[in-house]
């Protein structure tokens, strides 16, 4: 089954905080990893412990894409946040966030 990708409104600003190259890498990774079986755990995709950001994360090097799969609407993946991890620090749109 092919999923539809939706972006939260806040993701636009978070993507602008990334370089053009990083934006391209993120969009390619979303297309490659989340269009089919986004709930299948892999080396790059994993469910997260309960947190205020999202239930799932996609790892792309130091970049992270946080997403959820809509329960009531089958086939929709909502990208909720995009950030960069440096060591143990996660930054989303330049702000430090704790998971």
PDB file of N, CA and C in Angstrom:
ATOM      1  N   UNK A   1       0.846  -1.186   0.000  1.00  0.00           N
ATOM      2  CA  UNK A   1       0.000   0.000   0.000  1.00  0.00           C
ATOM      3  C   UNK A   1       0.887   1.244   0.000  1.00  0.00           C
ATOM      4  N   UNK A   2       0.569   2.188  -0.838  1.00  0.00           N
ATOM      5  CA  UNK A   2       1.320   3.437  -0.925  1.00  0.00           C
ATOM      6  C   UNK A   2       0.668   4.469  -0.004  1.00  0.00           C
ATOM      7  N   UNK A   3       1.469   5.104   0.818  1.00  0.00           N
ATOM      8  CA  UNK A   3       0.985   6.116   1.754  1.00  0.00           C
ATOM      9  C   UNK A   3       1.108   7.508   1.140  1.00  0.00           C
ATOM     10  N   UNK A   4       0.292   8.415   1.635  1.00  0.00           N
ATOM     11  CA  UNK A   4       0.351   9.823   1.245  1.00  0.00           C
ATOM     12  C   UNK A   4       1.096  10.560   2.357  1.00  0.00           C
ATOM     13  N   UNK A   5       2.015  11.435   1.984  1.00  0.00           N
ATOM     14  CA  UNK A   5       2.789  12.195   2.964  1.00  0.00           C
ATOM     15  C   UNK A   5       2.167  13.574   3.127  1.00  0.00           C
ATOM     16  N   UNK A   6       1.884  13.955   4.380  1.00  0.00           N
ATOM     17  CA  UNK A   6       1.405  15.297   4.714  1.00  0.00           C
ATOM     18  C   UNK A   6       2.426  15.927   5.653  1.00  0.00           C
ATOM     19  N   UNK A   7       2.615  17.230   5.506  1.00  0.00           N
ATOM     20  CA  UNK A   7       3.555  17.953   6.355  1.00  0.00           C
ATOM     21  C   UNK A   7       2.798  18.897   7.272  1.00  0.00           C
ATOM     22  N   UNK A   8       3.169  18.900   8.555  1.00  0.00           N
ATOM     23  CA  UNK A   8       2.593  19.861   9.495  1.00  0.00           C
ATOM     24  C   UNK A   8       3.040  21.257   9.074  1.00  0.00           C
ATOM     25  N   UNK A   9       2.257  22.257   9.387  1.00  0.00           N
ATOM     26  CA  UNK A   9       2.576  23.636   9.013  1.00  0.00           C
ATOM     27  C   UNK A   9       3.935  24.073   9.560  1.00  0.00           C
ATOM     28  N   UNK A  10       4.285  23.621  10.750  1.00  0.00           N
ATOM     29  CA  UNK A  10       5.555  24.023  11.375  1.00  0.00           C
ATOM     30  C   UNK A  10       6.777  23.461  10.645  1.00  0.00           C
ATOM     31  N   UNK A  11       6.600  22.422   9.857  1.00  0.00           N
ATOM     32  CA  UNK A  11       7.730  21.788   9.163  1.00  0.00           C
ATOM     33  C   UNK A  11       8.332  22.735   8.127  1.00  0.00           C
ATOM     34  N   UNK A  12       7.522  23.592   7.542  1.00  0.00           N
ATOM     35  CA  UNK A  12       8.038  24.546   6.545  1.00  0.00           C
ATOM     36  C   UNK A  12       9.163  25.397   7.136  1.00  0.00           C
ATOM     37  N   UNK A  13       8.953  25.947   8.309  1.00  0.00           N
ATOM     38  CA  UNK A  13       9.988  26.755   8.970  1.00  0.00           C
ATOM     39  C   UNK A  13      11.183  25.925   9.384  1.00  0.00           C
ATOM     40  N   UNK A  14      10.931  24.700   9.818  1.00  0.00           N
ATOM     41  CA  UNK A  14      12.025  23.821  10.227  1.00  0.00           C
ATOM     42  C   UNK A  14      12.903  23.447   9.039  1.00  0.00           C
ATOM     43  N   UNK A  15      12.284  23.253   7.879  1.00  0.00           N
ATOM     44  CA  UNK A  15      13.046  22.933   6.671  1.00  0.00           C
ATOM     45  C   UNK A  15      13.885  24.133   6.225  1.00  0.00           C
ATOM     46  N   UNK A  16      13.363  25.345   6.413  1.00  0.00           N
ATOM     47  CA  UNK A  16      14.128  26.543   6.047  1.00  0.00           C
ATOM     48  C   UNK A  16      15.378  26.707   6.898  1.00  0.00           C
ATOM     49  N   UNK A  17      15.363  26.146   8.100  1.00  0.00           N
ATOM     50  CA  UNK A  17      16.528  26.222   8.980  1.00  0.00           C
ATOM     51  C   UNK A  17      17.661  25.306   8.500  1.00  0.00           C
ATOM     52  N   UNK A  18      17.352  24.385   7.577  1.00  0.00           N
ATOM     53  CA  UNK A  18      18.356  23.469   7.030  1.00  0.00           C
ATOM     54  C   UNK A  18      18.959  24.065   5.760  1.00  0.00           C
ATOM     55  N   UNK A  19      20.128  23.566   5.382  1.00  0.00           N
ATOM     56  CA  UNK A  19      20.735  23.997   4.119  1.00  0.00           C
ATOM     57  C   UNK A  19      19.948  23.390   2.959  1.00  0.00           C
ATOM     58  N   UNK A  20      20.155  23.919   1.756  1.00  0.00           N
ATOM     59  CA  UNK A  20      19.458  23.401   0.575  1.00  0.00           C
ATOM     60  C   UNK A  20      19.799  21.930   0.359  1.00  0.00           C
ATOM     61  N   UNK A  21      21.041  21.564   0.565  1.00  0.00           N
ATOM     62  CA  UNK A  21      21.461  20.167   0.401  1.00  0.00           C
ATOM     63  C   UNK A  21      20.741  19.270   1.402  1.00  0.00           C
ATOM     64  N   UNK A  22      20.673  19.717   2.667  1.00  0.00           N
ATOM     65  CA  UNK A  22      19.995  18.935   3.702  1.00  0.00           C
ATOM     66  C   UNK A  22      18.504  18.790   3.387  1.00  0.00           C
ATOM     67  N   UNK A  23      17.878  19.846   2.883  1.00  0.00           N
ATOM     68  CA  UNK A  23      16.459  19.756   2.512  1.00  0.00           C
ATOM     69  C   UNK A  23      16.250  18.686   1.444  1.00  0.00           C
ATOM     70  N   UNK A  24      17.131  18.664   0.460  1.00  0.00           N
ATOM     71  CA  UNK A  24      17.028  17.656  -0.602  1.00  0.00           C
ATOM     72  C   UNK A  24      17.196  16.248  -0.065  1.00  0.00           C
ATOM     73  N   UNK A  25      18.159  16.073   0.823  1.00  0.00           N
ATOM     74  CA  UNK A  25      18.402  14.753   1.425  1.00  0.00           C
ATOM     75  C   UNK A  25      17.185  14.312   2.233  1.00  0.00           C
ATOM     76  N   UNK A  26      16.601  15.226   2.998  1.00  0.00           N
ATOM     77  CA  UNK A  26      15.427  14.896   3.819  1.00  0.00           C
ATOM     78  C   UNK A  26      14.246  14.492   2.935  1.00  0.00           C
ATOM     79  N   UNK A  27      13.980  15.266   1.898  1.00  0.00           N
ATOM     80  CA  UNK A  27      12.842  14.953   1.032  1.00  0.00           C
ATOM     81  C   UNK A  27      13.030  13.623   0.309  1.00  0.00           C
ATOM     82  N   UNK A  28      14.251  13.329  -0.136  1.00  0.00           N
ATOM     83  CA  UNK A  28      14.517  12.035  -0.779  1.00  0.00           C
ATOM     84  C   UNK A  28      14.317  10.892   0.209  1.00  0.00           C
ATOM     85  N   UNK A  29      14.805  11.069   1.429  1.00  0.00           N
ATOM     86  CA  UNK A  29      14.681  10.014   2.437  1.00  0.00           C
ATOM     87  C   UNK A  29      13.217   9.775   2.817  1.00  0.00           C
ATOM     88  N   UNK A  30      12.438  10.838   2.913  1.00  0.00           N
ATOM     89  CA  UNK A  30      11.012  10.691   3.219  1.00  0.00           C
ATOM     90  C   UNK A  30      10.344   9.888   2.114  1.00  0.00           C
ATOM     91  N   UNK A  31      10.630  10.243   0.876  1.00  0.00           N
ATOM     92  CA  UNK A  31      10.036   9.531  -0.253  1.00  0.00           C
ATOM     93  C   UNK A  31      10.463   8.065  -0.278  1.00  0.00           C
ATOM     94  N   UNK A  32      11.721   7.813  -0.010  1.00  0.00           N
ATOM     95  CA  UNK A  32      12.254   6.452  -0.076  1.00  0.00           C
ATOM     96  C   UNK A  32      11.794   5.584   1.101  1.00  0.00           C
ATOM     97  N   UNK A  33      11.657   6.171   2.288  1.00  0.00           N
ATOM     98  CA  UNK A  33      11.410   5.369   3.497  1.00  0.00           C
ATOM     99  C   UNK A  33       9.996   5.401   4.052  1.00  0.00           C
ATOM    100  N   UNK A  34       9.205   6.412   3.705  1.00  0.00           N
ATOM    101  CA  UNK A  34       7.899   6.533   4.353  1.00  0.00           C
ATOM    102  C   UNK A  34       6.710   6.283   3.432  1.00  0.00           C
ATOM    103  N   UNK A  35       6.920   6.147   2.142  1.00  0.00           N
ATOM    104  CA  UNK A  35       5.800   5.903   1.233  1.00  0.00           C
ATOM    105  C   UNK A  35       5.250   4.484   1.358  1.00  0.00           C
ATOM    106  N   UNK A  36       6.096   3.540   1.754  1.00  0.00           N
ATOM    107  CA  UNK A  36       5.687   2.142   1.882  1.00  0.00           C
ATOM    108  C   UNK A  36       6.106   1.626   3.260  1.00  0.00           C
ATOM    109  N   UNK A  37       5.197   1.047   3.983  1.00  0.00           N
ATOM    110  CA  UNK A  37       5.441   0.433   5.298  1.00  0.00           C
ATOM    111  C   UNK A  37       6.136   1.363   6.296  1.00  0.00           C
ATOM    112  N   UNK A  38       5.570   2.536   6.584  1.00  0.00           N
ATOM    113  CA  UNK A  38       6.216   3.457   7.529  1.00  0.00           C
ATOM    114  C   UNK A  38       6.213   2.955   8.971  1.00  0.00           C
ATOM    115  N   UNK A  39       5.390   1.946   9.276  1.00  0.00           N
ATOM    116  CA  UNK A  39       5.348   1.403  10.633  1.00  0.00           C
ATOM    117  C   UNK A  39       6.230   0.174  10.800  1.00  0.00           C
ATOM    118  N   UNK A  40       6.982  -0.168   9.775  1.00  0.00           N
ATOM    119  CA  UNK A  40       7.921  -1.294   9.842  1.00  0.00           C
ATOM    120  C   UNK A  40       9.233  -0.778  10.437  1.00  0.00           C
ATOM    121  N   UNK A  41       9.624  -1.304  11.577  1.00  0.00           N
ATOM    122  CA  UNK A  41      10.863  -0.854  12.221  1.00  0.00           C
ATOM    123  C   UNK A  41      12.067  -1.348  11.417  1.00  0.00           C
ATOM    124  N   UNK A  42      13.007  -0.436  11.153  1.00  0.00           N
ATOM    125  CA  UNK A  42      14.244  -0.760  10.438  1.00  0.00           C
ATOM    126  C   UNK A  42      15.405  -0.109  11.177  1.00  0.00           C
ATOM    127  N   UNK A  43      16.589  -0.186  10.569  1.00  0.00           N
ATOM    128  CA  UNK A  43      17.746   0.481  11.184  1.00  0.00           C
ATOM    129  C   UNK A  43      17.578   1.995  11.190  1.00  0.00           C
ATOM    130  N   UNK A  44      16.837   2.527  10.222  1.00  0.00           N
ATOM    131  CA  UNK A  44      16.659   3.971  10.122  1.00  0.00           C
ATOM    132  C   UNK A  44      15.337   4.465  10.705  1.00  0.00           C
ATOM    133  N   UNK A  45      14.341   3.601  10.810  1.00  0.00           N
ATOM    134  CA  UNK A  45      13.021   3.971  11.346  1.00  0.00           C
ATOM    135  C   UNK A  45      12.802   3.242  12.649  1.00  0.00           C
ATOM    136  N   UNK A  46      12.338   3.998  13.656  1.00  0.00           N
ATOM    137  CA  UNK A  46      12.047   3.311  14.915  1.00  0.00           C
ATOM    138  C   UNK A  46      10.954   4.036  15.683  1.00  0.00           C
ATOM    139  N   UNK A  47      10.190   3.253  16.449  1.00  0.00           N
ATOM    140  CA  UNK A  47       9.203   3.892  17.329  1.00  0.00           C
ATOM    141  C   UNK A  47       9.932   4.513  18.513  1.00  0.00           C
ATOM    142  N   UNK A  48       9.413   5.618  18.994  1.00  0.00           N
ATOM    143  CA  UNK A  48      10.025   6.317  20.121  1.00  0.00           C
ATOM    144  C   UNK A  48       9.209   6.095  21.389  1.00  0.00           C
ATOM    145  N   UNK A  49       9.865   6.275  22.511  1.00  0.00           N
ATOM    146  CA  UNK A  49       9.132   6.276  23.776  1.00  0.00           C
ATOM    147  C   UNK A  49       8.200   7.481  23.769  1.00  0.00           C
ATOM    148  N   UNK A  50       7.158   7.474  24.578  1.00  0.00           N
ATOM    149  CA  UNK A  50       6.244   8.623  24.598  1.00  0.00           C
ATOM    150  C   UNK A  50       7.002   9.934  24.801  1.00  0.00           C
ATOM    151  N   UNK A  51       6.715  10.898  23.937  1.00  0.00           N
ATOM    152  CA  UNK A  51       7.383  12.194  23.982  1.00  0.00           C
ATOM    153  C   UNK A  51       6.459  13.239  23.366  1.00  0.00           C
ATOM    154  N   UNK A  52       6.780  14.524  23.517  1.00  0.00           N
ATOM    155  CA  UNK A  52       5.903  15.573  22.990  1.00  0.00           C
ATOM    156  C   UNK A  52       6.048  15.825  21.491  1.00  0.00           C
ATOM    157  N   UNK A  53       6.982  15.161  20.818  1.00  0.00           N
ATOM    158  CA  UNK A  53       7.232  15.453  19.407  1.00  0.00           C
ATOM    159  C   UNK A  53       6.457  14.521  18.484  1.00  0.00           C
ATOM    160  N   UNK A  54       6.740  13.225  18.523  1.00  0.00           N
ATOM    161  CA  UNK A  54       6.102  12.273  17.610  1.00  0.00           C
ATOM    162  C   UNK A  54       6.351  10.842  18.071  1.00  0.00           C
ATOM    163  N   UNK A  55       5.528   9.900  17.588  1.00  0.00           N
ATOM    164  CA  UNK A  55       5.721   8.499  17.980  1.00  0.00           C
ATOM    165  C   UNK A  55       6.796   7.762  17.180  1.00  0.00           C
ATOM    166  N   UNK A  56       7.194   8.264  16.014  1.00  0.00           N
ATOM    167  CA  UNK A  56       8.185   7.593  15.179  1.00  0.00           C
ATOM    168  C   UNK A  56       9.258   8.575  14.727  1.00  0.00           C
ATOM    169  N   UNK A  57      10.467   8.047  14.466  1.00  0.00           N
ATOM    170  CA  UNK A  57      11.562   8.868  13.950  1.00  0.00           C
ATOM    171  C   UNK A  57      12.249   8.147  12.795  1.00  0.00           C
ATOM    172  N   UNK A  58      12.646   8.929  11.807  1.00  0.00           N
ATOM    173  CA  UNK A  58      13.435   8.450  10.680  1.00  0.00           C
ATOM    174  C   UNK A  58      14.800   9.114  10.798  1.00  0.00           C
ATOM    175  N   UNK A  59      15.850   8.313  10.833  1.00  0.00           N
ATOM    176  CA  UNK A  59      17.219   8.819  10.979  1.00  0.00           C
ATOM    177  C   UNK A  59      17.865   8.916   9.608  1.00  0.00           C
ATOM    178  N   UNK A  60      18.414  10.100   9.315  1.00  0.00           N
ATOM    179  CA  UNK A  60      19.135  10.344   8.065  1.00  0.00           C
ATOM    180  C   UNK A  60      20.453  11.000   8.456  1.00  0.00           C
ATOM    181  N   UNK A  61      21.441  10.207   8.815  1.00  0.00           N
ATOM    182  CA  UNK A  61      22.692  10.766   9.323  1.00  0.00           C
ATOM    183  C   UNK A  61      22.422  11.516  10.613  1.00  0.00           C
ATOM    184  N   UNK A  62      22.775  12.804  10.646  1.00  0.00           N
ATOM    185  CA  UNK A  62      22.515  13.603  11.848  1.00  0.00           C
ATOM    186  C   UNK A  62      21.127  14.237  11.826  1.00  0.00           C
ATOM    187  N   UNK A  63      20.412  14.087  10.728  1.00  0.00           N
ATOM    188  CA  UNK A  63      19.066  14.653  10.615  1.00  0.00           C
ATOM    189  C   UNK A  63      18.022  13.660  11.102  1.00  0.00           C
ATOM    190  N   UNK A  64      16.915  14.188  11.630  1.00  0.00           N
ATOM    191  CA  UNK A  64      15.819  13.349  12.100  1.00  0.00           C
ATOM    192  C   UNK A  64      14.496  13.879  11.555  1.00  0.00           C
ATOM    193  N   UNK A  65      13.647  12.960  11.120  1.00  0.00           N
ATOM    194  CA  UNK A  65      12.291  13.294  10.684  1.00  0.00           C
ATOM    195  C   UNK A  65      11.351  12.597  11.660  1.00  0.00           C
ATOM    196  N   UNK A  66      10.500  13.364  12.318  1.00  0.00           N
ATOM    197  CA  UNK A  66       9.563  12.817  13.289  1.00  0.00           C
ATOM    198  C   UNK A  66       8.191  12.775  12.648  1.00  0.00           C
ATOM    199  N   UNK A  67       7.527  11.614  12.757  1.00  0.00           N
ATOM    200  CA  UNK A  67       6.261  11.441  12.053  1.00  0.00           C
ATOM    201  C   UNK A  67       5.312  10.538  12.815  1.00  0.00           C
ATOM    202  N   UNK A  68       4.062  10.553  12.338  1.00  0.00           N
ATOM    203  CA  UNK A  68       3.033   9.655  12.842  1.00  0.00           C
ATOM    204  C   UNK A  68       2.235   9.149  11.655  1.00  0.00           C
ATOM    205  N   UNK A  69       1.602   8.009  11.833  1.00  0.00           N
ATOM    206  CA  UNK A  69       0.711   7.467  10.817  1.00  0.00           C
ATOM    207  C   UNK A  69      -0.706   7.678  11.343  1.00  0.00           C
ATOM    208  N   UNK A  70      -1.527   8.354  10.557  1.00  0.00           N
ATOM    209  CA  UNK A  70      -2.879   8.700  10.985  1.00  0.00           C
ATOM    210  C   UNK A  70      -3.686   7.438  11.256  1.00  0.00           C
ATOM    211  N   UNK A  71      -4.322   7.381  12.417  1.00  0.00           N
ATOM    212  CA  UNK A  71      -5.095   6.200  12.797  1.00  0.00           C
ATOM    213  C   UNK A  71      -6.447   6.153  12.097  1.00  0.00           C
ATOM    214  N   UNK A  72      -7.158   7.255  12.084  1.00  0.00           N
ATOM    215  CA  UNK A  72      -8.494   7.277  11.512  1.00  0.00           C
ATOM    216  C   UNK A  72      -8.502   7.317   9.991  1.00  0.00           C
ATOM    217  N   UNK A  73      -7.398   7.733   9.405  1.00  0.00           N
ATOM    218  CA  UNK A  73      -7.315   7.870   7.960  1.00  0.00           C
ATOM    219  C   UNK A  73      -6.220   6.942   7.440  1.00  0.00           C
ATOM    220  N   UNK A  74      -6.584   5.787   6.927  1.00  0.00           N
ATOM    221  CA  UNK A  74      -5.557   4.853   6.475  1.00  0.00           C
ATOM    222  C   UNK A  74      -4.760   5.426   5.304  1.00  0.00           C
ATOM    223  N   UNK A  75      -3.475   5.179   5.338  1.00  0.00           N
ATOM    224  CA  UNK A  75      -2.636   5.583   4.229  1.00  0.00           C
ATOM    225  C   UNK A  75      -2.070   6.982   4.310  1.00  0.00           C
ATOM    226  N   UNK A  76      -2.113   7.639   5.480  1.00  0.00           N
ATOM    227  CA  UNK A  76      -1.577   8.988   5.605  1.00  0.00           C
ATOM    228  C   UNK A  76      -0.458   9.017   6.641  1.00  0.00           C
ATOM    229  N   UNK A  77       0.700   9.513   6.229  1.00  0.00           N
ATOM    230  CA  UNK A  77       1.833   9.724   7.122  1.00  0.00           C
ATOM    231  C   UNK A  77       1.963  11.229   7.316  1.00  0.00           C
ATOM    232  N   UNK A  78       1.953  11.680   8.557  1.00  0.00           N
ATOM    233  CA  UNK A  78       2.093  13.104   8.860  1.00  0.00           C
ATOM    234  C   UNK A  78       3.498  13.366   9.401  1.00  0.00           C
ATOM    235  N   UNK A  79       4.253  14.177   8.697  1.00  0.00           N
ATOM    236  CA  UNK A  79       5.574  14.597   9.166  1.00  0.00           C
ATOM    237  C   UNK A  79       5.326  15.752  10.124  1.00  0.00           C
ATOM    238  N   UNK A  80       5.736  15.579  11.377  1.00  0.00           N
ATOM    239  CA  UNK A  80       5.435  16.556  12.425  1.00  0.00           C
ATOM    240  C   UNK A  80       6.594  17.487  12.736  1.00  0.00           C
ATOM    241  N   UNK A  81       7.830  17.015  12.516  1.00  0.00           N
ATOM    242  CA  UNK A  81       8.997  17.843  12.821  1.00  0.00           C
ATOM    243  C   UNK A  81      10.213  17.306  12.087  1.00  0.00           C
ATOM    244  N   UNK A  82      11.147  18.224  11.800  1.00  0.00           N
ATOM    245  CA  UNK A  82      12.427  17.868  11.192  1.00  0.00           C
ATOM    246  C   UNK A  82      13.492  18.595  11.989  1.00  0.00           C
ATOM    247  N   UNK A  83      14.517  17.856  12.406  1.00  0.00           N
ATOM    248  CA  UNK A  83      15.574  18.474  13.203  1.00  0.00           C
ATOM    249  C   UNK A  83      16.924  17.857  12.940  1.00  0.00           C
ATOM    250  N   UNK A  84      17.901  18.350  13.683  1.00  0.00           N
ATOM    251  CA  UNK A  84      19.266  17.860  13.542  1.00  0.00           C
ATOM    252  C   UNK A  84      19.794  17.477  14.918  1.00  0.00           C
ATOM    253  N   UNK A  85      20.427  16.328  14.978  1.00  0.00           N
ATOM    254  CA  UNK A  85      20.978  15.844  16.235  1.00  0.00           C
ATOM    255  C   UNK A  85      22.486  16.022  16.208  1.00  0.00           C
ATOM    256  N   UNK A  86      23.010  16.639  17.263  1.00  0.00           N
ATOM    257  CA  UNK A  86      24.440  16.837  17.421  1.00  0.00           C
ATOM    258  C   UNK A  86      24.816  16.273  18.787  1.00  0.00           C
ATOM    259  N   UNK A  87      25.441  15.101  18.781  1.00  0.00           N
ATOM    260  CA  UNK A  87      25.715  14.410  20.040  1.00  0.00           C
ATOM    261  C   UNK A  87      24.403  13.994  20.671  1.00  0.00           C
ATOM    262  N   UNK A  88      24.176  14.414  21.910  1.00  0.00           N
ATOM    263  CA  UNK A  88      22.926  14.094  22.603  1.00  0.00           C
ATOM    264  C   UNK A  88      21.908  15.225  22.517  1.00  0.00           C
ATOM    265  N   UNK A  89      22.191  16.246  21.702  1.00  0.00           N
ATOM    266  CA  UNK A  89      21.332  17.414  21.623  1.00  0.00           C
ATOM    267  C   UNK A  89      20.554  17.391  20.310  1.00  0.00           C
ATOM    268  N   UNK A  90      19.235  17.484  20.419  1.00  0.00           N
ATOM    269  CA  UNK A  90      18.373  17.562  19.242  1.00  0.00           C
ATOM    270  C   UNK A  90      17.925  19.009  19.089  1.00  0.00           C
ATOM    271  N   UNK A  91      18.120  19.555  17.888  1.00  0.00           N
ATOM    272  CA  UNK A  91      17.682  20.916  17.598  1.00  0.00           C
ATOM    273  C   UNK A  91      16.651  20.878  16.483  1.00  0.00           C
ATOM    274  N   UNK A  92      15.507  21.482  16.770  1.00  0.00           N
ATOM    275  CA  UNK A  92      14.447  21.612  15.777  1.00  0.00           C
ATOM    276  C   UNK A  92      14.258  23.106  15.554  1.00  0.00           C
ATOM    277  N   UNK A  93      14.520  23.549  14.319  1.00  0.00           N
ATOM    278  CA  UNK A  93      14.449  24.975  13.948  1.00  0.00           C
ATOM    279  C   UNK A  93      15.311  25.819  14.874  1.00  0.00           C
ATOM    280  N   UNK A  94      16.484  25.316  15.225  1.00  0.00           N
ATOM    281  CA  UNK A  94      17.425  26.072  16.038  1.00  0.00           C
ATOM    282  C   UNK A  94      17.192  26.002  17.540  1.00  0.00           C
ATOM    283  N   UNK A  95      16.082  25.417  17.961  1.00  0.00           N
ATOM    284  CA  UNK A  95      15.787  25.314  19.399  1.00  0.00           C
ATOM    285  C   UNK A  95      16.107  23.911  19.896  1.00  0.00           C
ATOM    286  N   UNK A  96      16.684  23.839  21.067  1.00  0.00           N
ATOM    287  CA  UNK A  96      17.005  22.533  21.666  1.00  0.00           C
ATOM    288  C   UNK A  96      15.729  21.895  22.193  1.00  0.00           C
ATOM    289  N   UNK A  97      15.539  20.607  21.874  1.00  0.00           N
ATOM    290  CA  UNK A  97      14.331  19.871  22.266  1.00  0.00           C
ATOM    291  C   UNK A  97      14.766  18.588  22.973  1.00  0.00           C
ATOM    292  N   UNK A  98      14.078  18.251  24.058  1.00  0.00           N
ATOM    293  CA  UNK A  98      14.360  17.010  24.768  1.00  0.00           C
ATOM    294  C   UNK A  98      13.325  15.965  24.410  1.00  0.00           C
ATOM    295  N   UNK A  99      13.795  14.757  24.132  1.00  0.00           N
ATOM    296  CA  UNK A  99      12.867  13.658  23.842  1.00  0.00           C
ATOM    297  C   UNK A  99      12.755  12.760  25.031  1.00  0.00           C
TER     298      UNK A  99
END
